[in-house]
Amino acid sequence: MECKDIIRLMEELAPVRYACDWDNVGLLVGSQNKKVQRLMLALDPSEDVIDQAVREGVDMLITHHPLIFGSIKRVNSNDITGRKILKLIKNDISYYAAHTNLDSAVMADEAGKMFGLVNTNILSEEYSENLYKLCTFVPVSHALKVRDAMTREGAGHIGEYSNCTFNVEGIGTFKPLEGTNPYIGKINETANAQEMRIEVTVQKDKLDRVIKAMLKVHPYEEVAYDIYKLENEIDRKGIGIRGYIDNDMTLEEFAMKVKQVLKADTVRMCGDPVKKVVKIAVCPGSGKSVVEDALKAKVDVLVSGDIDHHKALEAWEQGMAVIDAGHFITEYFVVDYLRDYLIDKIYNTDEDLYANSVKLEIIKAEEKEPFSYIR
């Protein structure tokens, strides 16, 4: 396999467009054409993880947290980021990061399942996409051919339905001028044509290729078509999730459940231990930025990491408890998730892409919570 094949699978799962504006995701070091036989997965691009990748003869490393944030003015061995980049380059290891795009695509939903949440919604919406309406006018004789070309490229998807179109038959008029080569009609004479108006909805990232497919099979020399940006939003994604647990618990009981589910050594709790909690918000990783969203959603408790003293106290004073299990432990489950996903995609597929390639070996880096606790 090549690096670009693995990138394709990663971006089918977590498209780059889901990433927050401030984030840095994708292939950050190395070549997409690199042959990959050994792949390592990790949460953090620590120097220890990169050293493991070197020792294990890894061809590609994927981490959740990006190694490179913001601009880099120099790459040398005098600073930690430079040393890591140089090690990756020296050992020909391609490096890929999937951060907030993976948060939005996977982390929130999986966290909700882990804690048994029902009736869930996004906690903090970061991404949504407007639909477009594409209308064209085609001779009735060619309507099926044009319609099929558009839907094959992804037009007309509404929820779990495909090939959704609206068609109205009518009369089109036009006058071919000097220098034209009309499919119907004569030069300098107004012509009437029995036409079909075809309407389809299209996602923005598919719009160009749908139009190209339509133009390729359309019989007219000059094709009339309209594009409208709709108010309809689809593909809403975001950070964290909120929902309900089936049976109410006290805050202390739920904190114990969090500890058990995450296999955490310890969790911190801010709130009344005997207060009943039913409406739950979960944000794997750092949850400081979603405290206000959780308060607006009127949840009973927010489960996350990296909640500082002041934010936790302010939340409690406004009626919301906080359970802080730490950044690392609330996100580490995603490494196993990615391993299972890639194994399933690569080993359990009929695609020609993998038919004659060496099967990929996927290994997990050895990582542990960077903080230790003295009791």
Protein backbone atom coordinates (compact mmCIF):
# COMPACT_ATOMS: atom_id res chain seq x y z
CA MET A 1 0.00 0.00 0.00
CA GLU A 2 1.00 3.59 -0.40
CA CYS A 3 0.62 6.40 2.09
CA LYS A 4 -2.05 8.04 -0.08
CA ASP A 5 -4.21 4.90 0.14
CA ILE A 6 -4.21 5.11 3.94
CA ILE A 7 -4.87 8.85 3.78
CA ARG A 8 -7.91 8.16 1.60
CA LEU A 9 -9.28 5.74 4.20
CA MET A 10 -8.59 8.21 7.02
CA GLU A 11 -10.34 11.02 5.17
CA GLU A 12 -13.33 8.84 4.33
CA LEU A 13 -13.70 8.50 8.11
CA ALA A 14 -12.73 12.04 9.11
CA PRO A 15 -12.79 14.51 6.18
CA VAL A 16 -10.31 17.38 6.52
CA ARG A 17 -13.16 19.88 6.05
CA TYR A 18 -14.44 18.95 9.53
CA ALA A 19 -11.30 20.38 11.18
CA CYS A 20 -11.48 23.67 13.08
CA ASP A 21 -9.95 26.70 11.32
CA TRP A 22 -7.10 26.92 13.83
CA ASP A 23 -6.15 23.27 13.50
CA ASN A 24 -3.41 21.61 11.43
CA VAL A 25 -4.35 18.20 10.07
CA GLY A 26 -3.39 15.94 7.19
CA LEU A 27 -0.01 14.73 5.92
CA LEU A 28 2.43 16.97 7.82
CA VAL A 29 5.73 15.21 7.04
CA GLY A 30 6.80 12.92 4.21
CA SER A 31 5.52 11.74 0.85
CA GLN A 32 2.05 10.50 0.01
CA ASN A 33 3.68 8.07 -2.45
CA LYS A 34 5.67 6.34 0.29
CA LYS A 35 5.22 2.53 0.30
CA VAL A 36 3.76 1.51 3.65
CA GLN A 37 4.03 -1.97 5.13
CA ARG A 38 4.13 -1.01 8.81
CA LEU A 39 1.85 1.65 10.28
CA MET A 40 1.96 2.92 13.84
CA LEU A 41 -0.95 4.60 15.63
CA ALA A 42 -0.63 6.85 18.68
CA LEU A 43 -2.42 9.62 20.51
CA ASP A 44 0.58 11.94 20.83
CA PRO A 45 3.61 12.56 18.56
CA SER A 46 5.94 12.47 21.53
CA GLU A 47 9.66 11.94 21.07
CA ASP A 48 9.27 8.55 22.74
CA VAL A 49 6.58 7.53 20.22
CA ILE A 50 8.72 8.68 17.28
CA ASP A 51 11.69 6.75 18.71
CA GLN A 52 9.46 3.66 18.90
CA ALA A 53 8.47 4.17 15.28
CA VAL A 54 12.15 4.31 14.30
CA ARG A 55 13.00 1.14 16.28
CA GLU A 56 10.02 -0.74 14.84
CA GLY A 57 10.90 0.16 11.25
CA VAL A 58 7.61 1.97 10.74
CA ASP A 59 6.84 3.50 7.35
CA MET A 60 3.99 5.74 8.48
CA LEU A 61 2.87 7.25 11.78
CA ILE A 62 -0.65 8.53 12.48
CA THR A 63 -1.42 10.49 15.65
CA HIS A 64 -4.44 12.32 16.96
CA HIS A 65 -2.61 15.39 18.25
CA PRO A 66 -0.61 17.20 15.53
CA LEU A 67 3.14 17.62 15.85
CA ILE A 68 3.09 20.96 14.02
CA PHE A 69 0.85 23.86 15.07
CA GLY A 70 1.14 27.29 13.49
CA SER A 71 4.08 28.49 11.44
CA ILE A 72 7.60 27.08 11.70
CA LYS A 73 10.46 29.41 10.81
CA ARG A 74 13.25 26.85 11.10
CA VAL A 75 13.71 23.10 11.49
CA ASN A 76 16.82 22.15 13.44
CA SER A 77 17.85 20.00 16.37
CA ASN A 78 17.88 22.88 18.86
CA ASP A 79 14.19 22.56 19.72
CA ILE A 80 11.94 19.59 20.40
CA THR A 81 9.65 20.03 17.37
CA GLY A 82 12.61 20.36 15.03
CA ARG A 83 14.24 17.22 16.46
CA LYS A 84 11.05 15.22 15.92
CA ILE A 85 10.62 16.41 12.34
CA LEU A 86 14.26 15.63 11.54
CA LYS A 87 13.90 12.11 12.96
CA LEU A 88 10.84 11.48 10.83
CA ILE A 89 12.56 12.74 7.69
CA LYS A 90 15.86 10.95 8.38
CA ASN A 91 14.06 7.64 8.86
CA ASP A 92 11.70 8.16 5.90
CA ILE A 93 8.55 8.02 8.05
CA SER A 94 5.46 9.71 6.62
CA TYR A 95 3.51 11.46 9.36
CA TYR A 96 -0.23 12.16 9.37
CA ALA A 97 -2.42 13.89 11.99
CA ALA A 98 -6.21 13.68 12.41
CA HIS A 99 -7.26 16.04 15.18
CA THR A 100 -10.47 18.09 15.37
CA ASN A 101 -11.74 16.48 12.17
CA LEU A 102 -11.52 13.15 14.02
CA ASP A 103 -13.11 14.75 17.10
CA SER A 104 -16.09 15.80 15.01
CA ALA A 105 -16.40 12.62 12.94
CA VAL A 106 -15.79 9.98 15.61
CA MET A 107 -14.90 11.06 19.13
CA ALA A 108 -18.20 12.62 20.14
CA ASP A 109 -20.41 9.76 18.94
CA GLU A 110 -18.15 7.06 20.35
CA ALA A 111 -17.95 8.84 23.71
CA GLY A 112 -21.74 8.97 23.79
CA LYS A 113 -21.93 5.22 23.17
CA MET A 114 -19.34 4.51 25.87
CA PHE A 115 -21.45 6.24 28.49
CA GLY A 116 -24.76 4.92 27.18
CA LEU A 117 -26.20 8.28 26.16
CA VAL A 118 -29.52 8.37 24.28
CA ASN A 119 -31.32 11.15 22.37
CA THR A 120 -27.97 12.74 21.59
CA ASN A 121 -27.05 16.03 19.90
CA ILE A 122 -23.84 17.89 19.08
CA LEU A 123 -22.57 19.90 22.02
CA SER A 124 -20.60 22.58 20.14
CA GLU A 125 -21.27 22.79 16.40
CA GLU A 126 -18.14 23.57 14.40
CA TYR A 127 -19.10 22.56 10.87
CA SER A 128 -22.16 22.55 8.67
CA GLU A 129 -22.62 22.60 4.93
CA ASN A 130 -25.22 24.32 2.80
CA LEU A 131 -26.88 22.40 0.01
CA TYR A 132 -27.08 23.74 -3.54
CA LYS A 133 -29.92 23.33 -6.03
CA LEU A 134 -28.84 22.63 -9.61
CA CYS A 135 -31.43 23.04 -12.39
CA THR A 136 -30.91 22.31 -16.07
CA PHE A 137 -33.09 22.18 -19.18
CA VAL A 138 -32.70 19.29 -21.61
CA PRO A 139 -34.65 17.80 -24.53
CA VAL A 140 -37.06 15.16 -23.25
CA SER A 141 -35.26 12.58 -25.39
CA HIS A 142 -32.03 13.11 -23.38
CA ALA A 143 -33.53 13.64 -19.92
CA LEU A 144 -32.75 10.15 -18.62
CA LYS A 145 -29.15 10.24 -19.83
CA VAL A 146 -28.46 13.65 -18.26
CA ARG A 147 -30.27 12.80 -15.02
CA ASP A 148 -28.30 9.54 -14.63
CA ALA A 149 -24.99 11.31 -15.24
CA MET A 150 -25.75 13.83 -12.48
CA THR A 151 -26.90 11.31 -9.90
CA ARG A 152 -23.94 9.01 -10.58
CA GLU A 153 -21.69 11.85 -9.40
CA GLY A 154 -23.58 12.20 -6.12
CA ALA A 155 -26.36 14.67 -6.92
CA GLY A 156 -29.78 14.01 -5.46
CA HIS A 157 -28.85 12.56 -2.05
CA ILE A 158 -31.36 13.38 0.68
CA GLY A 159 -30.71 11.57 3.94
CA GLU A 160 -30.68 7.84 3.23
CA TYR A 161 -32.27 8.31 -0.23
CA SER A 162 -30.36 8.63 -3.51
CA ASN A 163 -31.34 9.64 -7.07
CA CYS A 164 -33.79 12.25 -5.76
CA THR A 165 -34.77 14.56 -8.64
CA PHE A 166 -37.71 16.73 -9.66
CA ASN A 167 -38.73 16.88 -13.31
CA VAL A 168 -41.16 19.24 -15.08
CA GLU A 169 -41.89 19.13 -18.80
CA GLY A 170 -42.36 22.38 -20.75
CA ILE A 171 -41.54 24.37 -23.86
CA GLY A 172 -38.15 26.01 -24.31
CA THR A 173 -37.55 28.74 -26.89
CA PHE A 174 -34.33 30.04 -28.41
CA LYS A 175 -32.92 31.54 -31.62
CA PRO A 176 -29.57 30.21 -32.89
CA LEU A 177 -27.43 33.10 -34.17
CA GLU A 178 -24.74 33.20 -36.87
CA GLY A 179 -21.77 30.98 -36.04
CA THR A 180 -23.70 28.51 -33.88
CA ASN A 181 -24.22 24.80 -34.46
CA PRO A 182 -27.61 24.12 -32.86
CA TYR A 183 -28.75 20.63 -31.91
CA ILE A 184 -32.36 21.75 -32.59
CA GLY A 185 -33.55 24.60 -34.84
CA LYS A 186 -32.18 26.72 -37.68
CA ILE A 187 -29.89 29.78 -37.74
CA ASN A 188 -31.77 33.08 -37.12
CA GLU A 189 -35.10 31.33 -36.56
CA THR A 190 -36.82 31.09 -33.18
CA ALA A 191 -37.21 27.44 -32.24
CA ASN A 192 -39.48 25.64 -29.79
CA ALA A 193 -38.31 22.51 -28.02
CA GLN A 194 -40.09 20.05 -25.74
CA GLU A 195 -37.77 20.16 -22.75
CA MET A 196 -37.47 18.70 -19.27
CA ARG A 197 -36.45 20.88 -16.34
CA ILE A 198 -34.38 18.66 -14.02
CA GLU A 199 -33.74 19.79 -10.43
CA VAL A 200 -31.33 18.11 -8.01
CA THR A 201 -29.75 19.03 -4.69
CA VAL A 202 -25.95 18.83 -4.54
CA GLN A 203 -23.36 19.13 -1.81
CA LYS A 204 -20.76 21.83 -2.37
CA ASP A 205 -17.80 19.46 -2.71
CA LYS A 206 -19.63 17.49 -5.43
CA LEU A 207 -20.99 20.45 -7.39
CA ASP A 208 -18.13 20.84 -9.89
CA ARG A 209 -18.02 17.20 -10.89
CA VAL A 210 -21.82 16.98 -11.18
CA ILE A 211 -21.81 19.97 -13.56
CA LYS A 212 -18.96 18.44 -15.61
CA ALA A 213 -20.86 15.14 -15.88
CA MET A 214 -24.02 16.99 -16.94
CA LEU A 215 -22.21 19.03 -19.61
CA LYS A 216 -20.48 15.96 -21.00
CA VAL A 217 -23.72 14.18 -21.95
CA HIS A 218 -25.96 17.20 -22.62
CA PRO A 219 -26.76 17.53 -26.34
CA TYR A 220 -26.95 21.34 -26.47
CA GLU A 221 -24.05 23.48 -27.69
CA GLU A 222 -24.83 26.06 -24.99
CA VAL A 223 -26.27 24.45 -21.86
CA ALA A 224 -28.62 26.52 -19.70
CA TYR A 225 -28.40 25.72 -15.99
CA ASP A 226 -29.00 27.51 -12.70
CA ILE A 227 -27.29 27.10 -9.31
CA TYR A 228 -28.99 28.23 -6.08
CA LYS A 229 -27.45 28.20 -2.62
CA LEU A 230 -30.05 26.83 -0.22
CA GLU A 231 -30.63 27.56 3.45
CA ASN A 232 -30.80 23.83 4.18
CA GLU A 233 -27.84 22.72 6.30
CA ILE A 234 -26.51 19.17 6.15
CA ASP A 235 -23.60 17.20 7.55
CA ARG A 236 -23.60 19.08 10.86
CA LYS A 237 -20.54 18.18 12.94
CA GLY A 238 -18.97 19.47 16.11
CA ILE A 239 -17.04 18.93 19.29
CA GLY A 240 -18.56 16.89 22.10
CA ILE A 241 -21.99 15.37 22.56
CA ARG A 242 -24.94 15.78 24.89
CA GLY A 243 -27.71 13.37 25.76
CA TYR A 244 -29.40 11.44 28.54
CA ILE A 245 -28.61 8.34 30.58
CA ASP A 246 -31.38 5.75 30.91
CA ASN A 247 -31.48 5.75 34.69
CA ASP A 248 -30.57 8.67 36.90
CA MET A 249 -27.58 8.42 39.21
CA THR A 250 -26.03 10.62 41.80
CA LEU A 251 -23.06 12.66 40.63
CA GLU A 252 -20.75 10.46 42.69
CA GLU A 253 -22.20 7.27 41.16
CA PHE A 254 -21.81 8.65 37.66
CA ALA A 255 -18.23 9.74 38.41
CA MET A 256 -17.49 6.15 39.43
CA LYS A 257 -19.00 4.94 36.14
CA VAL A 258 -16.76 7.38 34.22
CA LYS A 259 -13.74 6.05 36.08
CA GLN A 260 -14.67 2.45 35.29
CA VAL A 261 -15.56 3.02 31.62
CA LEU A 262 -12.35 4.92 30.92
CA LYS A 263 -10.24 2.65 33.16
CA ALA A 264 -8.90 5.79 34.77
CA ASP A 265 -6.73 5.73 37.88
CA THR A 266 -8.57 8.75 39.20
CA VAL A 267 -11.14 11.40 38.24
CA ARG A 268 -11.84 14.84 39.66
CA MET A 269 -15.38 15.89 40.50
CA CYS A 270 -16.78 19.36 41.13
CA GLY A 271 -20.38 19.49 42.35
CA ASP A 272 -22.79 18.05 44.89
CA PRO A 273 -21.99 14.31 45.19
CA VAL A 274 -25.60 13.33 46.01
CA LYS A 275 -27.30 15.42 43.31
CA LYS A 276 -29.12 13.36 40.68
CA VAL A 277 -27.73 13.64 37.12
CA VAL A 278 -29.61 12.65 33.97
CA LYS A 279 -28.59 15.05 31.19
CA ILE A 280 -24.92 14.53 30.35
CA ALA A 281 -22.37 16.27 28.11
CA VAL A 282 -19.13 14.56 27.12
CA CYS A 283 -16.16 16.22 25.42
CA PRO A 284 -13.09 13.99 25.05
CA GLY A 285 -9.81 15.84 25.49
CA SER A 286 -9.82 19.47 26.54
CA GLY A 287 -13.28 20.69 27.55
CA LYS A 288 -12.61 24.21 28.74
CA SER A 289 -13.85 25.70 25.47
CA VAL A 290 -17.22 23.91 25.63
CA VAL A 291 -18.19 24.81 29.22
CA GLU A 292 -20.41 27.66 28.00
CA ASP A 293 -22.08 25.40 25.42
CA ALA A 294 -22.77 22.82 28.12
CA LEU A 295 -24.25 25.49 30.40
CA LYS A 296 -26.51 26.73 27.58
CA ALA A 297 -27.66 23.16 26.99
CA LYS A 298 -28.56 22.95 30.71
CA VAL A 299 -26.80 19.63 31.24
CA ASP A 300 -26.39 18.27 34.74
CA VAL A 301 -22.73 17.35 34.31
CA LEU A 302 -19.90 17.82 31.81
CA VAL A 303 -17.35 15.02 31.46
CA SER A 304 -14.04 16.11 29.94
CA GLY A 305 -10.42 16.96 30.71
CA ASP A 306 -8.27 20.03 31.29
CA ILE A 307 -11.01 21.94 33.16
CA ASP A 308 -9.27 24.51 35.33
CA HIS A 309 -10.22 25.59 38.83
CA HIS A 310 -12.03 28.78 37.85
CA LYS A 311 -14.08 27.23 35.03
CA ALA A 312 -15.15 24.32 37.21
CA LEU A 313 -16.15 26.62 40.06
CA GLU A 314 -18.11 28.94 37.74
CA ALA A 315 -19.91 25.95 36.24
CA TRP A 316 -20.87 24.58 39.67
CA GLU A 317 -22.12 28.01 40.76
CA GLN A 318 -24.43 27.96 37.71
CA GLY A 319 -25.79 24.52 38.50
CA MET A 320 -23.60 22.28 36.33
CA ALA A 321 -21.26 19.70 37.81
CA VAL A 322 -17.92 18.81 36.21
CA ILE A 323 -16.12 15.48 36.06
CA ASP A 324 -12.54 15.85 34.88
CA ALA A 325 -10.93 12.53 33.94
CA GLY A 326 -7.93 14.07 32.19
CA HIS A 327 -7.07 14.85 28.59
CA PHE A 328 -5.19 11.65 27.78
CA ILE A 329 -7.57 9.10 29.25
CA THR A 330 -10.72 10.65 27.73
CA GLU A 331 -9.21 10.40 24.23
CA TYR A 332 -7.02 7.32 24.25
CA PHE A 333 -9.86 5.01 23.17
CA VAL A 334 -9.62 6.50 19.66
CA VAL A 335 -6.33 4.69 19.00
CA ASP A 336 -8.06 1.31 19.30
CA TYR A 337 -10.98 2.65 17.26
CA LEU A 338 -8.65 3.67 14.40
CA ARG A 339 -6.84 0.33 14.48
CA ASP A 340 -10.13 -1.59 14.23
CA TYR A 341 -11.38 0.71 11.48
CA LEU A 342 -8.27 0.38 9.30
CA ILE A 343 -8.02 -3.39 9.79
CA ASP A 344 -11.65 -3.77 8.78
CA LYS A 345 -11.22 -1.54 5.72
CA ILE A 346 -8.00 -3.16 4.53
CA TYR A 347 -8.47 -6.82 5.44
CA ASN A 348 -12.22 -7.14 4.87
CA THR A 349 -12.55 -5.48 1.50
CA ASP A 350 -13.08 -6.66 -2.05
CA GLU A 351 -11.57 -3.53 -3.58
CA ASP A 352 -8.99 -4.06 -6.33
CA LEU A 353 -6.80 -1.49 -4.56
CA TYR A 354 -5.66 -4.12 -2.05
CA ALA A 355 -5.98 -7.28 -4.14
CA ASN A 356 -2.29 -7.55 -5.08
CA SER A 357 -0.70 -5.53 -2.29
CA VAL A 358 1.07 -6.69 0.82
CA LYS A 359 -1.33 -6.51 3.72
CA LEU A 360 -0.55 -3.70 6.07
CA GLU A 361 0.74 -4.40 9.58
CA ILE A 362 -0.81 -1.98 12.06
CA ILE A 363 0.74 -1.53 15.49
CA LYS A 364 -0.03 0.68 18.47
CA ALA A 365 2.63 2.76 20.14
CA GLU A 366 3.18 2.16 23.83
CA GLU A 367 1.83 5.24 25.57
CA LYS A 368 0.75 6.14 29.05
CA GLU A 369 -0.86 9.05 30.83
CA PRO A 370 1.86 11.74 31.12
CA PHE A 371 0.68 12.73 34.60
CA SER A 372 1.16 10.49 37.61
CA TYR A 373 -0.82 10.89 40.82
CA ILE A 374 0.42 10.66 44.39
CA ARG A 375 -2.28 9.56 46.79
